[in-house]
Amino acid sequence: MREEEVASVAAKPSLTGLGSPSPLSCVPLLASGSPLCFCSWSDHWQRKLVLLFKSSFQAARGELVSRPPACMMRQVGRYMAVYRKLAEKYPSFRERSETTNLIVEISLQPWNAFRPDGVIIFSNILTPLPAFGVEFDVEDVRGLVIQSPIRSEKGLKALHPIDLEKLSFVGDSLKILRKEVGGDAVILGFVGAPWTIATYIVEGSMCYTAPHLLRTLLSHLAQAIADYVIFQVESGAHCIQIFDSWGGQLPPDMWERWSKPYIKELLLKPRESTQAELTHQLY
């Protein structure tokens, strides 16, 4: 690690977890809490990267490794002075996370400083929402604002299949990141689990008042996110993390009913559609 990069870090990270309170590796063995990891690799990349990433691929399969590969769950953000400086120049989070050159620059900041085993694309689990009919804003004071929350069947009818052309900045960024790091790191994309996405776009107690509508919504989200997973893998991501951030708020029986089936549903299509071998583990 270069001294000038260490000096630019507000809180110096530890050697083991790089300062993250919840360290998450780029493969399942180091995952902490409720995140899921969904990893993919082709025969070509397995041959090319086997020496550099042998531990990554072994860990992804649940095998024992001599040194667990590691990166941070919050790999970029407030702790890096270079990020804070860029955020002052581009105060809109959506601009930072939906502009290709900014995505690439931010994604590479921790890579340039620490050389972790994985480079995580700078994005958000809500990024694909407008691509299937849910517009949102991120305001300084109020935070996330969904323009038209889904409260009824009419709201459901406004949804449509995901338009991946509206997410070209994600695909372009992954392709550039893959070239930038070459064979020196695993490229990680990520998506939100259907239940977690639904918690942001639904208002009310739909699981109690209109469970049939919630099931329809979750199934739609599962299909949209599945297509988004395939898109990221085909654009260059070696590994896709699936975050069920709000799944942990459900009692076990409700998680089994409202989250788990739709995670399984979103995994079916990528397994069938991508040429790469795909594995996943649930935490």
Protein backbone atom coordinates (compact mmCIF):
# COMPACT_ATOMS: atom_id res chain seq x y z
CA MET A 1 0.00 0.00 0.00
CA ARG A 2 1.42 3.38 -0.95
CA GLU A 3 1.94 5.95 1.81
CA GLU A 4 0.08 8.66 -0.05
CA GLU A 5 -2.96 6.40 -0.35
CA VAL A 6 -2.85 5.54 3.33
CA ALA A 7 -2.75 9.23 4.12
CA SER A 8 -5.87 9.81 2.06
CA VAL A 9 -7.94 7.42 4.14
CA ALA A 10 -9.95 9.00 6.92
CA ALA A 11 -10.00 5.90 9.08
CA LYS A 12 -7.08 3.57 8.45
CA PRO A 13 -8.36 0.07 7.76
CA SER A 14 -7.16 -3.00 9.56
CA LEU A 15 -5.24 -5.64 7.67
CA THR A 16 -7.87 -8.33 8.06
CA GLY A 17 -11.11 -6.62 7.12
CA LEU A 18 -9.81 -3.36 5.65
CA GLY A 19 -11.76 -1.48 8.28
CA SER A 20 -15.23 -2.67 7.30
CA PRO A 21 -17.46 -3.47 10.29
CA SER A 22 -18.99 -6.27 8.25
CA PRO A 23 -16.24 -7.58 5.95
CA LEU A 24 -17.57 -9.42 2.93
CA SER A 25 -15.26 -11.35 0.70
CA CYS A 26 -15.78 -11.66 -3.01
CA VAL A 27 -16.70 -15.28 -2.38
CA PRO A 28 -19.07 -16.91 0.10
CA LEU A 29 -16.67 -18.12 2.80
CA LEU A 30 -16.10 -14.63 4.20
CA ALA A 31 -19.67 -13.42 3.77
CA SER A 32 -21.11 -11.99 6.95
CA GLY A 33 -24.75 -11.65 7.94
CA SER A 34 -27.54 -11.93 5.40
CA PRO A 35 -25.88 -11.22 2.00
CA LEU A 36 -25.84 -13.88 -0.65
CA CYS A 37 -23.11 -14.51 -3.17
CA PHE A 38 -23.81 -15.71 -6.68
CA CYS A 39 -20.55 -16.49 -8.48
CA SER A 40 -19.82 -17.37 -12.08
CA TRP A 41 -16.78 -18.29 -14.09
CA SER A 42 -16.23 -19.67 -17.57
CA ASP A 43 -13.75 -22.39 -18.47
CA HIS A 44 -11.62 -19.76 -20.21
CA TRP A 45 -11.36 -17.58 -17.13
CA GLN A 46 -10.91 -20.54 -14.83
CA ARG A 47 -7.83 -21.55 -16.85
CA LYS A 48 -6.51 -18.00 -17.19
CA LEU A 49 -6.97 -16.99 -13.56
CA VAL A 50 -6.47 -20.30 -11.79
CA LEU A 51 -3.06 -19.31 -10.40
CA LEU A 52 -4.07 -15.84 -9.26
CA PHE A 53 -7.56 -16.68 -8.09
CA LYS A 54 -7.31 -20.31 -7.11
CA SER A 55 -8.39 -19.48 -3.57
CA SER A 56 -11.31 -17.38 -4.88
CA PHE A 57 -12.73 -20.16 -6.99
CA GLN A 58 -12.12 -22.81 -4.34
CA ALA A 59 -13.83 -20.68 -1.73
CA ALA A 60 -16.75 -20.06 -4.09
CA ARG A 61 -17.21 -23.82 -4.22
CA GLY A 62 -17.06 -24.10 -0.44
CA GLU A 63 -13.62 -25.75 -0.45
CA LEU A 64 -10.92 -25.08 2.12
CA VAL A 65 -8.40 -22.39 1.16
CA SER A 66 -5.06 -21.35 2.62
CA ARG A 67 -5.84 -17.63 2.37
CA PRO A 68 -9.43 -16.44 2.08
CA PRO A 69 -9.77 -13.78 -0.64
CA ALA A 70 -11.16 -10.54 0.72
CA CYS A 71 -12.68 -7.23 -0.23
CA MET A 72 -14.93 -4.80 1.65
CA MET A 73 -18.70 -4.69 1.70
CA ARG A 74 -18.44 -0.90 1.67
CA GLN A 75 -15.45 -0.86 -0.63
CA VAL A 76 -15.83 2.78 -1.67
CA GLY A 77 -17.42 5.59 0.27
CA ARG A 78 -16.94 8.12 2.99
CA TYR A 79 -13.72 6.70 4.42
CA MET A 80 -11.73 7.57 1.26
CA ALA A 81 -10.72 11.19 0.80
CA VAL A 82 -10.55 10.76 -2.97
CA TYR A 83 -14.18 9.64 -3.01
CA ARG A 84 -15.35 12.49 -0.80
CA LYS A 85 -13.58 14.99 -3.04
CA LEU A 86 -15.26 13.53 -6.12
CA ALA A 87 -18.65 13.50 -4.35
CA GLU A 88 -18.28 17.22 -3.69
CA LYS A 89 -17.74 17.80 -7.40
CA TYR A 90 -20.65 15.50 -8.35
CA PRO A 91 -23.12 15.79 -5.43
CA SER A 92 -25.86 13.73 -7.07
CA PHE A 93 -25.56 10.08 -6.07
CA ARG A 94 -27.48 9.02 -9.15
CA GLU A 95 -25.09 10.92 -11.38
CA ARG A 96 -22.14 9.24 -9.72
CA SER A 97 -23.71 5.79 -9.99
CA GLU A 98 -25.17 6.16 -13.49
CA THR A 99 -22.29 7.79 -15.39
CA THR A 100 -19.82 5.34 -16.88
CA ASN A 101 -16.58 7.27 -16.36
CA LEU A 102 -17.53 8.10 -12.76
CA ILE A 103 -18.53 4.51 -12.01
CA VAL A 104 -15.19 3.26 -13.29
CA GLU A 105 -13.18 5.91 -11.45
CA ILE A 106 -14.95 5.28 -8.14
CA SER A 107 -14.83 1.49 -8.50
CA LEU A 108 -11.07 1.63 -9.01
CA GLN A 109 -10.32 3.94 -6.07
CA PRO A 110 -10.00 1.16 -3.46
CA TRP A 111 -8.29 -1.06 -6.02
CA ASN A 112 -5.62 1.56 -6.60
CA ALA A 113 -5.19 2.05 -2.85
CA PHE A 114 -5.34 -1.46 -1.42
CA ARG A 115 -5.33 -4.04 -4.22
CA PRO A 116 -8.16 -6.16 -2.76
CA ASP A 117 -8.98 -9.49 -4.39
CA GLY A 118 -12.19 -8.13 -5.88
CA VAL A 119 -13.21 -4.92 -7.63
CA ILE A 120 -16.85 -4.12 -6.89
CA ILE A 121 -18.74 -1.99 -9.39
CA PHE A 122 -19.97 1.26 -7.84
CA SER A 123 -23.72 0.97 -8.07
CA ASN A 124 -26.85 0.52 -5.97
CA ILE A 125 -29.43 -2.22 -5.63
CA LEU A 126 -32.08 0.31 -6.73
CA THR A 127 -30.25 1.29 -9.92
CA PRO A 128 -32.37 -0.97 -12.21
CA LEU A 129 -35.73 0.28 -10.91
CA PRO A 130 -36.41 2.88 -13.66
CA ALA A 131 -35.58 0.23 -16.26
CA PHE A 132 -38.74 -1.68 -15.34
CA GLY A 133 -41.04 1.21 -14.50
CA VAL A 134 -40.23 2.49 -11.00
CA GLU A 135 -38.83 6.02 -10.96
CA PHE A 136 -37.03 7.31 -7.90
CA ASP A 137 -34.91 10.19 -6.61
CA VAL A 138 -32.26 10.41 -3.91
CA GLU A 139 -32.67 13.65 -1.97
CA ASP A 140 -30.16 15.05 0.51
CA VAL A 141 -32.58 15.34 3.42
CA ARG A 142 -35.33 12.80 2.68
CA GLY A 143 -33.09 10.18 1.13
CA LEU A 144 -34.78 7.73 -1.24
CA VAL A 145 -38.06 8.95 -2.70
CA ILE A 146 -40.14 6.58 -4.84
CA GLN A 147 -42.20 8.72 -7.21
CA SER A 148 -45.11 6.28 -7.54
CA PRO A 149 -45.11 3.66 -4.78
CA ILE A 150 -47.03 0.50 -5.57
CA ARG A 151 -50.18 0.34 -3.48
CA SER A 152 -52.62 -1.47 -5.76
CA GLU A 153 -53.09 -3.60 -8.85
CA LYS A 154 -53.01 -0.42 -10.92
CA GLY A 155 -49.47 0.22 -9.74
CA LEU A 156 -48.47 -3.31 -10.69
CA LYS A 157 -49.76 -2.80 -14.23
CA ALA A 158 -47.36 0.11 -14.65
CA LEU A 159 -44.41 -2.28 -14.39
CA HIS A 160 -42.88 -3.76 -17.53
CA PRO A 161 -40.05 -6.16 -18.43
CA ILE A 162 -36.64 -4.72 -17.67
CA ASP A 163 -35.18 -2.56 -20.45
CA LEU A 164 -31.47 -3.34 -20.30
CA GLU A 165 -30.64 -0.58 -22.77
CA LYS A 166 -31.44 1.86 -19.97
CA LEU A 167 -28.69 0.20 -17.95
CA SER A 168 -26.00 0.42 -20.61
CA PHE A 169 -23.80 2.41 -18.21
CA VAL A 170 -23.61 -0.68 -15.99
CA GLY A 171 -22.61 -2.96 -18.83
CA ASP A 172 -20.09 -0.47 -20.23
CA SER A 173 -18.55 0.04 -16.79
CA LEU A 174 -18.13 -3.69 -16.21
CA LYS A 175 -16.43 -4.11 -19.57
CA ILE A 176 -14.00 -1.28 -18.82
CA LEU A 177 -13.28 -2.56 -15.31
CA ARG A 178 -12.56 -6.02 -16.67
CA LYS A 179 -9.97 -4.52 -19.03
CA GLU A 180 -8.50 -2.22 -16.38
CA VAL A 181 -7.70 -4.93 -13.84
CA GLY A 182 -6.86 -7.60 -16.37
CA GLY A 183 -6.18 -10.85 -14.58
CA ASP A 184 -5.36 -9.24 -11.24
CA ALA A 185 -8.79 -9.16 -9.61
CA VAL A 186 -12.27 -10.62 -9.73
CA ILE A 187 -14.94 -8.19 -10.98
CA LEU A 188 -18.05 -8.16 -8.80
CA GLY A 189 -21.49 -6.91 -9.73
CA PHE A 190 -24.51 -7.02 -7.48
CA VAL A 191 -28.29 -6.92 -7.30
CA GLY A 192 -30.94 -6.75 -4.61
CA ALA A 193 -33.13 -9.71 -3.71
CA PRO A 194 -36.82 -9.38 -4.69
CA TRP A 195 -38.08 -8.96 -1.11
CA THR A 196 -35.55 -6.25 -0.34
CA ILE A 197 -36.37 -4.37 -3.55
CA ALA A 198 -40.08 -4.69 -2.79
CA THR A 199 -39.65 -3.09 0.64
CA TYR A 200 -38.54 0.10 -1.08
CA ILE A 201 -41.25 0.34 -3.70
CA VAL A 202 -44.32 -0.82 -1.75
CA GLU A 203 -46.19 1.34 0.73
CA GLY A 204 -48.48 -0.28 3.25
CA SER A 205 -48.75 -3.79 4.70
CA MET A 206 -49.28 -5.60 1.44
CA CYS A 207 -48.21 -8.99 2.76
CA TYR A 208 -51.21 -8.80 5.11
CA THR A 209 -53.72 -6.73 3.15
CA ALA A 210 -53.06 -7.93 -0.42
CA PRO A 211 -50.79 -10.99 -0.39
CA HIS A 212 -51.80 -11.96 -3.93
CA LEU A 213 -50.53 -8.60 -5.23
CA LEU A 214 -47.27 -8.95 -3.33
CA ARG A 215 -46.69 -12.41 -4.80
CA THR A 216 -47.23 -11.02 -8.30
CA LEU A 217 -44.84 -8.15 -7.59
CA LEU A 218 -42.14 -10.40 -6.15
CA SER A 219 -42.35 -12.73 -9.14
CA HIS A 220 -42.04 -9.77 -11.51
CA LEU A 221 -39.02 -8.51 -9.59
CA ALA A 222 -37.44 -11.97 -9.65
CA GLN A 223 -37.67 -12.09 -13.45
CA ALA A 224 -36.36 -8.54 -13.88
CA ILE A 225 -33.44 -9.11 -11.53
CA ALA A 226 -32.65 -12.43 -13.22
CA ASP A 227 -32.27 -10.63 -16.54
CA TYR A 228 -30.11 -8.01 -14.82
CA VAL A 229 -27.87 -10.75 -13.40
CA ILE A 230 -27.42 -12.26 -16.85
CA PHE A 231 -26.67 -8.81 -18.26
CA GLN A 232 -23.94 -8.18 -15.69
CA VAL A 233 -22.34 -11.58 -16.17
CA GLU A 234 -22.34 -11.18 -19.95
CA SER A 235 -20.86 -7.69 -19.56
CA GLY A 236 -17.86 -8.97 -17.64
CA ALA A 237 -18.75 -9.62 -13.99
CA HIS A 238 -17.14 -12.76 -12.62
CA CYS A 239 -19.32 -12.74 -9.54
CA ILE A 240 -22.73 -11.31 -8.66
CA GLN A 241 -23.64 -10.60 -5.06
CA ILE A 242 -27.33 -10.81 -4.23
CA PHE A 243 -28.26 -8.74 -1.20
CA ASP A 244 -31.38 -9.49 0.81
CA SER A 245 -30.65 -6.57 3.12
CA TRP A 246 -34.15 -6.47 4.63
CA GLY A 247 -34.65 -10.22 4.69
CA GLY A 248 -33.14 -10.32 8.16
CA GLN A 249 -36.04 -8.24 9.46
CA LEU A 250 -38.48 -11.06 8.72
CA PRO A 251 -39.19 -13.89 11.16
CA PRO A 252 -37.88 -17.19 9.76
CA ASP A 253 -41.31 -18.44 8.69
CA MET A 254 -42.06 -15.21 6.83
CA TRP A 255 -38.64 -15.22 5.16
CA GLU A 256 -39.36 -18.75 3.95
CA ARG A 257 -42.65 -17.50 2.50
CA TRP A 258 -41.81 -14.06 1.15
CA SER A 259 -38.11 -14.04 0.30
CA LYS A 260 -36.56 -17.46 -0.23
CA PRO A 261 -38.89 -18.66 -3.05
CA TYR A 262 -38.23 -15.54 -5.11
CA ILE A 263 -34.47 -15.73 -4.64
CA LYS A 264 -34.68 -19.28 -5.97
CA GLU A 265 -36.86 -18.05 -8.83
CA LEU A 266 -34.41 -15.34 -9.87
CA LEU A 267 -31.55 -17.88 -9.91
CA LEU A 268 -33.28 -20.26 -12.32
CA LYS A 269 -33.01 -18.15 -15.46
CA PRO A 270 -29.30 -17.26 -15.18
CA ARG A 271 -28.46 -20.93 -14.66
CA GLU A 272 -30.29 -21.83 -17.84
CA SER A 273 -29.31 -18.83 -19.96
CA THR A 274 -25.62 -18.13 -19.30
CA GLN A 275 -22.80 -20.17 -20.74
CA ALA A 276 -20.72 -19.78 -17.59
CA GLU A 277 -20.97 -22.19 -14.69
CA LEU A 278 -23.01 -20.55 -11.94
CA THR A 279 -23.06 -21.27 -8.23
CA HIS A 280 -24.65 -19.56 -5.26
CA GLN A 281 -24.63 -19.76 -1.50
CA LEU A 282 -27.14 -18.41 0.97
CA TYR A 283 -26.32 -16.79 4.30
